[in-house]
Amino acid sequence: MPSPLIDSLLQAVSARPDDVPLRLHVTELLIEAGRGPEAIQQCAIVLQQDPGNSHAQGLMGRAFAAPVASPDAPASSTPAAAAAPVEPAPAGDDAVLIDPVLDGVPVERPEPQPR
């Protein structure tokens, strides 16, 4: 679902690509809006710049688990991970995934969170 606020913030992030706090804020809004694949892309950009960024790592996990908004289904019915298949990295490292949404960028698998 389009959001003028998110779209404006995405334009601001494009104008200031190194503004990590802004990018992470937009990522949180994307997750809440059911736009998981876009949130994953934003997290990947941060993690390329700062692989140890724990906030981005946590958001990446949330983005993969977040429901995806769809005009044909309720917002909570489809997990983001089901939107595009994620394949293990060829290196055989169980902690790394290859995400086709990110054009084959390796993404670390988030640690499972206790419920």
N, C-alpha and C. Protein backbone atom coordinates (compact mmCIF):
# COMPACT_ATOMS: atom_id res chain seq x y z
N MET A 1 0.85 -1.17 0.00
CA MET A 1 0.00 0.00 0.00
C MET A 1 0.90 1.24 0.00
N PRO A 2 0.69 2.13 -0.90
CA PRO A 2 1.53 3.34 -0.98
C PRO A 2 1.36 4.21 0.27
N SER A 3 2.45 4.81 0.69
CA SER A 3 2.44 5.72 1.82
C SER A 3 3.23 6.96 1.43
N PRO A 4 2.59 8.11 1.38
CA PRO A 4 3.32 9.32 1.02
C PRO A 4 4.48 9.60 1.97
N LEU A 5 4.31 9.32 3.26
CA LEU A 5 5.38 9.55 4.22
C LEU A 5 6.58 8.65 3.93
N ILE A 6 6.34 7.36 3.75
CA ILE A 6 7.44 6.43 3.46
C ILE A 6 8.10 6.80 2.14
N ASP A 7 7.31 7.13 1.13
CA ASP A 7 7.89 7.50 -0.16
C ASP A 7 8.77 8.74 -0.04
N SER A 8 8.33 9.72 0.76
CA SER A 8 9.15 10.93 0.97
C SER A 8 10.44 10.59 1.70
N LEU A 9 10.34 9.72 2.71
CA LEU A 9 11.53 9.33 3.45
C LEU A 9 12.50 8.51 2.59
N LEU A 10 11.96 7.69 1.70
CA LEU A 10 12.83 6.94 0.78
C LEU A 10 13.58 7.90 -0.15
N GLN A 11 12.92 8.97 -0.57
CA GLN A 11 13.61 9.99 -1.38
C GLN A 11 14.70 10.67 -0.58
N ALA A 12 14.42 10.93 0.70
CA ALA A 12 15.44 11.55 1.56
C ALA A 12 16.63 10.62 1.74
N VAL A 13 16.37 9.33 1.88
CA VAL A 13 17.46 8.34 2.02
C VAL A 13 18.27 8.29 0.73
N SER A 14 17.61 8.40 -0.40
CA SER A 14 18.33 8.41 -1.68
C SER A 14 19.25 9.62 -1.78
N ALA A 15 18.80 10.74 -1.25
CA ALA A 15 19.60 11.96 -1.28
C ALA A 15 20.74 11.92 -0.27
N ARG A 16 20.56 11.14 0.79
CA ARG A 16 21.59 11.03 1.85
C ARG A 16 21.85 9.56 2.15
N PRO A 17 22.49 8.84 1.23
CA PRO A 17 22.65 7.39 1.37
C PRO A 17 23.46 6.95 2.58
N ASP A 18 24.28 7.82 3.16
CA ASP A 18 25.08 7.45 4.32
C ASP A 18 24.39 7.77 5.64
N ASP A 19 23.16 8.24 5.61
CA ASP A 19 22.41 8.58 6.82
C ASP A 19 21.77 7.30 7.38
N VAL A 20 22.57 6.56 8.16
CA VAL A 20 22.14 5.26 8.68
C VAL A 20 20.92 5.39 9.60
N PRO A 21 20.88 6.33 10.55
CA PRO A 21 19.68 6.42 11.40
C PRO A 21 18.39 6.65 10.60
N LEU A 22 18.46 7.48 9.57
CA LEU A 22 17.28 7.70 8.73
C LEU A 22 16.90 6.42 8.00
N ARG A 23 17.88 5.73 7.45
CA ARG A 23 17.62 4.49 6.71
C ARG A 23 16.99 3.45 7.63
N LEU A 24 17.48 3.35 8.86
CA LEU A 24 16.92 2.37 9.79
C LEU A 24 15.51 2.76 10.21
N HIS A 25 15.24 4.04 10.35
CA HIS A 25 13.88 4.50 10.67
C HIS A 25 12.92 4.14 9.53
N VAL A 26 13.35 4.40 8.31
CA VAL A 26 12.52 4.05 7.15
C VAL A 26 12.29 2.54 7.11
N THR A 27 13.31 1.78 7.45
CA THR A 27 13.19 0.32 7.47
C THR A 27 12.10 -0.11 8.45
N GLU A 28 12.08 0.47 9.63
CA GLU A 28 11.04 0.14 10.61
C GLU A 28 9.65 0.45 10.06
N LEU A 29 9.52 1.60 9.40
CA LEU A 29 8.22 1.97 8.81
C LEU A 29 7.82 1.00 7.69
N LEU A 30 8.80 0.58 6.90
CA LEU A 30 8.51 -0.38 5.83
C LEU A 30 8.02 -1.70 6.40
N ILE A 31 8.64 -2.16 7.47
CA ILE A 31 8.21 -3.42 8.10
C ILE A 31 6.79 -3.28 8.60
N GLU A 32 6.51 -2.18 9.30
CA GLU A 32 5.16 -1.96 9.83
C GLU A 32 4.12 -1.86 8.71
N ALA A 33 4.53 -1.39 7.54
CA ALA A 33 3.61 -1.23 6.41
C ALA A 33 3.48 -2.52 5.58
N GLY A 34 4.16 -3.58 5.99
CA GLY A 34 4.07 -4.84 5.24
C GLY A 34 4.90 -4.82 3.98
N ARG A 35 5.93 -4.00 3.94
CA ARG A 35 6.79 -3.89 2.76
C ARG A 35 8.16 -4.51 3.08
N GLY A 36 8.09 -5.79 3.50
CA GLY A 36 9.28 -6.52 3.93
C GLY A 36 10.41 -6.56 2.92
N PRO A 37 10.15 -6.88 1.65
CA PRO A 37 11.26 -6.92 0.69
C PRO A 37 12.00 -5.60 0.58
N GLU A 38 11.29 -4.49 0.66
CA GLU A 38 11.95 -3.18 0.62
C GLU A 38 12.76 -2.95 1.90
N ALA A 39 12.21 -3.39 3.03
CA ALA A 39 12.92 -3.26 4.30
C ALA A 39 14.20 -4.08 4.27
N ILE A 40 14.15 -5.26 3.68
CA ILE A 40 15.33 -6.12 3.57
C ILE A 40 16.41 -5.41 2.75
N GLN A 41 16.00 -4.77 1.68
CA GLN A 41 16.97 -4.04 0.85
C GLN A 41 17.64 -2.92 1.66
N GLN A 42 16.85 -2.19 2.44
CA GLN A 42 17.41 -1.10 3.23
C GLN A 42 18.37 -1.64 4.29
N CYS A 43 18.01 -2.74 4.94
CA CYS A 43 18.91 -3.36 5.93
C CYS A 43 20.20 -3.82 5.28
N ALA A 44 20.09 -4.39 4.10
CA ALA A 44 21.29 -4.88 3.41
C ALA A 44 22.26 -3.75 3.11
N ILE A 45 21.73 -2.59 2.76
CA ILE A 45 22.59 -1.44 2.47
C ILE A 45 23.35 -1.03 3.74
N VAL A 46 22.64 -0.99 4.86
CA VAL A 46 23.30 -0.63 6.12
C VAL A 46 24.34 -1.68 6.48
N LEU A 47 23.99 -2.96 6.33
CA LEU A 47 24.91 -4.03 6.71
C LEU A 47 26.11 -4.11 5.79
N GLN A 48 26.00 -3.64 4.56
CA GLN A 48 27.17 -3.57 3.69
C GLN A 48 28.14 -2.53 4.22
N GLN A 49 27.62 -1.42 4.75
CA GLN A 49 28.45 -0.36 5.30
C GLN A 49 28.98 -0.71 6.68
N ASP A 50 28.15 -1.38 7.48
CA ASP A 50 28.47 -1.69 8.87
C ASP A 50 27.94 -3.08 9.22
N PRO A 51 28.69 -4.15 8.88
CA PRO A 51 28.21 -5.52 9.10
C PRO A 51 27.86 -5.84 10.55
N GLY A 52 28.41 -5.13 11.50
CA GLY A 52 28.14 -5.40 12.90
C GLY A 52 26.99 -4.59 13.49
N ASN A 53 26.26 -3.87 12.68
CA ASN A 53 25.18 -3.02 13.17
C ASN A 53 24.04 -3.90 13.70
N SER A 54 23.95 -3.99 15.03
CA SER A 54 22.97 -4.89 15.65
C SER A 54 21.54 -4.44 15.40
N HIS A 55 21.31 -3.13 15.29
CA HIS A 55 19.96 -2.64 15.00
C HIS A 55 19.52 -3.12 13.61
N ALA A 56 20.40 -2.99 12.63
CA ALA A 56 20.09 -3.44 11.28
C ALA A 56 19.91 -4.96 11.23
N GLN A 57 20.71 -5.68 11.99
CA GLN A 57 20.58 -7.15 12.03
C GLN A 57 19.22 -7.54 12.59
N GLY A 58 18.81 -6.87 13.66
CA GLY A 58 17.50 -7.16 14.24
C GLY A 58 16.36 -6.82 13.30
N LEU A 59 16.49 -5.68 12.61
CA LEU A 59 15.46 -5.30 11.65
C LEU A 59 15.41 -6.28 10.47
N MET A 60 16.56 -6.80 10.07
CA MET A 60 16.58 -7.78 8.97
C MET A 60 15.77 -9.00 9.38
N GLY A 61 15.97 -9.48 10.59
CA GLY A 61 15.18 -10.62 11.07
C GLY A 61 13.70 -10.31 11.10
N ARG A 62 13.35 -9.12 11.58
CA ARG A 62 11.94 -8.72 11.60
C ARG A 62 11.37 -8.62 10.19
N ALA A 63 12.17 -8.11 9.26
CA ALA A 63 11.70 -7.94 7.88
C ALA A 63 11.42 -9.29 7.24
N PHE A 64 12.27 -10.28 7.51
CA PHE A 64 12.04 -11.61 6.95
C PHE A 64 10.79 -12.25 7.54
N ALA A 65 10.51 -11.96 8.80
CA ALA A 65 9.37 -12.57 9.47
C ALA A 65 8.08 -11.77 9.34
N ALA A 66 8.19 -10.53 8.88
CA ALA A 66 7.02 -9.64 8.83
C ALA A 66 6.04 -10.07 7.75
N PRO A 67 4.77 -9.83 8.00
CA PRO A 67 3.77 -10.09 6.95
C PRO A 67 3.97 -9.11 5.80
N VAL A 68 3.58 -9.55 4.62
CA VAL A 68 3.69 -8.71 3.42
C VAL A 68 2.30 -8.20 3.06
N ALA A 69 2.19 -6.90 2.87
CA ALA A 69 0.91 -6.31 2.47
C ALA A 69 0.62 -6.68 1.02
N SER A 70 -0.61 -7.08 0.77
CA SER A 70 -1.02 -7.46 -0.58
C SER A 70 -2.45 -6.98 -0.79
N PRO A 71 -2.76 -6.49 -1.99
CA PRO A 71 -4.13 -6.05 -2.22
C PRO A 71 -5.14 -7.20 -2.19
N ASP A 72 -4.66 -8.45 -2.40
CA ASP A 72 -5.56 -9.60 -2.46
C ASP A 72 -5.68 -10.35 -1.14
N ALA A 73 -4.84 -10.02 -0.16
CA ALA A 73 -4.84 -10.78 1.09
C ALA A 73 -4.72 -9.83 2.27
N PRO A 74 -5.19 -10.29 3.44
CA PRO A 74 -4.99 -9.46 4.63
C PRO A 74 -3.51 -9.26 4.89
N ALA A 75 -3.15 -8.15 5.51
CA ALA A 75 -1.74 -7.79 5.71
C ALA A 75 -0.97 -8.82 6.50
N SER A 76 -1.60 -9.60 7.34
CA SER A 76 -0.86 -10.52 8.20
C SER A 76 -0.82 -11.95 7.68
N SER A 77 -1.23 -12.21 6.45
CA SER A 77 -1.35 -13.59 6.00
C SER A 77 -0.12 -14.17 5.34
N THR A 78 0.78 -13.37 4.79
CA THR A 78 1.90 -13.90 4.04
C THR A 78 3.22 -13.43 4.62
N PRO A 79 4.06 -14.37 5.10
CA PRO A 79 5.36 -13.94 5.63
C PRO A 79 6.24 -13.38 4.52
N ALA A 80 7.07 -12.41 4.86
CA ALA A 80 7.97 -11.79 3.89
C ALA A 80 8.92 -12.82 3.29
N ALA A 81 9.33 -13.80 4.08
CA ALA A 81 10.27 -14.80 3.59
C ALA A 81 9.65 -15.62 2.45
N ALA A 82 8.32 -15.71 2.41
CA ALA A 82 7.68 -16.46 1.35
C ALA A 82 7.56 -15.65 0.06
N ALA A 83 7.83 -14.37 0.12
CA ALA A 83 7.71 -13.52 -1.05
C ALA A 83 8.74 -13.88 -2.11
N ALA A 84 9.90 -14.29 -1.70
CA ALA A 84 10.95 -14.73 -2.63
C ALA A 84 11.76 -15.80 -1.96
N PRO A 85 12.04 -16.90 -2.65
CA PRO A 85 12.81 -17.97 -2.01
C PRO A 85 14.22 -17.50 -1.69
N VAL A 86 14.72 -17.96 -0.57
CA VAL A 86 16.07 -17.63 -0.14
C VAL A 86 16.86 -18.92 -0.14
N GLU A 87 17.99 -18.91 -0.81
CA GLU A 87 18.79 -20.12 -0.96
C GLU A 87 20.04 -20.04 -0.10
N PRO A 88 20.53 -21.19 0.42
CA PRO A 88 21.78 -21.17 1.15
C PRO A 88 22.92 -20.71 0.25
N ALA A 89 23.89 -20.07 0.86
CA ALA A 89 25.06 -19.60 0.11
C ALA A 89 25.84 -20.80 -0.41
N PRO A 90 26.47 -20.67 -1.58
CA PRO A 90 27.22 -21.78 -2.13
C PRO A 90 28.37 -22.24 -1.26
N ALA A 91 28.89 -21.36 -0.40
CA ALA A 91 30.03 -21.71 0.44
C ALA A 91 29.65 -22.77 1.49
N GLY A 92 28.36 -23.02 1.68
CA GLY A 92 27.93 -24.02 2.64
C GLY A 92 27.83 -23.49 4.06
N ASP A 93 28.02 -22.21 4.27
CA ASP A 93 27.92 -21.61 5.59
C ASP A 93 26.44 -21.53 5.95
N ASP A 94 26.02 -22.23 7.01
CA ASP A 94 24.62 -22.26 7.40
C ASP A 94 24.11 -20.91 7.90
N ALA A 95 25.02 -20.00 8.24
CA ALA A 95 24.60 -18.70 8.77
C ALA A 95 24.43 -17.66 7.67
N VAL A 96 24.72 -18.02 6.42
CA VAL A 96 24.63 -17.05 5.33
C VAL A 96 23.60 -17.53 4.31
N LEU A 97 22.77 -16.62 3.85
CA LEU A 97 21.75 -16.90 2.84
C LEU A 97 22.00 -16.03 1.62
N ILE A 98 21.52 -16.47 0.47
CA ILE A 98 21.55 -15.65 -0.74
C ILE A 98 20.11 -15.24 -1.01
N ASP A 99 19.85 -13.96 -1.04
CA ASP A 99 18.50 -13.45 -1.24
C ASP A 99 18.35 -12.92 -2.65
N PRO A 100 17.49 -13.55 -3.48
CA PRO A 100 17.32 -13.09 -4.85
C PRO A 100 16.74 -11.69 -4.96
N VAL A 101 16.01 -11.24 -3.95
CA VAL A 101 15.46 -9.88 -3.96
C VAL A 101 16.59 -8.87 -3.96
N LEU A 102 17.70 -9.24 -3.34
CA LEU A 102 18.85 -8.35 -3.23
C LEU A 102 19.89 -8.66 -4.29
N ASP A 103 19.48 -9.28 -5.39
CA ASP A 103 20.37 -9.61 -6.50
C ASP A 103 21.55 -10.47 -6.05
N GLY A 104 21.27 -11.47 -5.23
CA GLY A 104 22.31 -12.42 -4.84
C GLY A 104 23.24 -11.93 -3.76
N VAL A 105 22.87 -10.87 -3.02
CA VAL A 105 23.71 -10.36 -1.94
C VAL A 105 23.63 -11.35 -0.78
N PRO A 106 24.77 -11.82 -0.25
CA PRO A 106 24.71 -12.71 0.91
C PRO A 106 24.16 -11.96 2.13
N VAL A 107 23.28 -12.61 2.86
CA VAL A 107 22.65 -12.02 4.03
C VAL A 107 22.79 -13.01 5.17
N GLU A 108 23.29 -12.55 6.32
CA GLU A 108 23.42 -13.45 7.46
C GLU A 108 22.06 -13.80 8.00
N ARG A 109 21.90 -15.08 8.37
CA ARG A 109 20.66 -15.56 8.96
C ARG A 109 20.58 -15.02 10.39
N PRO A 110 19.47 -14.36 10.76
CA PRO A 110 19.35 -13.83 12.12
C PRO A 110 19.25 -14.97 13.13
N GLU A 111 19.77 -14.73 14.33
CA GLU A 111 19.64 -15.70 15.41
C GLU A 111 18.17 -15.80 15.80
N PRO A 112 17.67 -17.02 16.06
CA PRO A 112 16.28 -17.14 16.50
C PRO A 112 16.08 -16.43 17.83
N GLN A 113 14.97 -15.73 17.94
CA GLN A 113 14.65 -15.01 19.15
C GLN A 113 13.71 -15.87 20.00
N PRO A 114 13.96 -15.97 21.32
CA PRO A 114 13.03 -16.73 22.18
C PRO A 114 11.68 -16.07 22.20
N ARG A 115 10.66 -16.87 22.26
CA ARG A 115 9.28 -16.32 22.29
C ARG A 115 8.66 -16.45 23.64
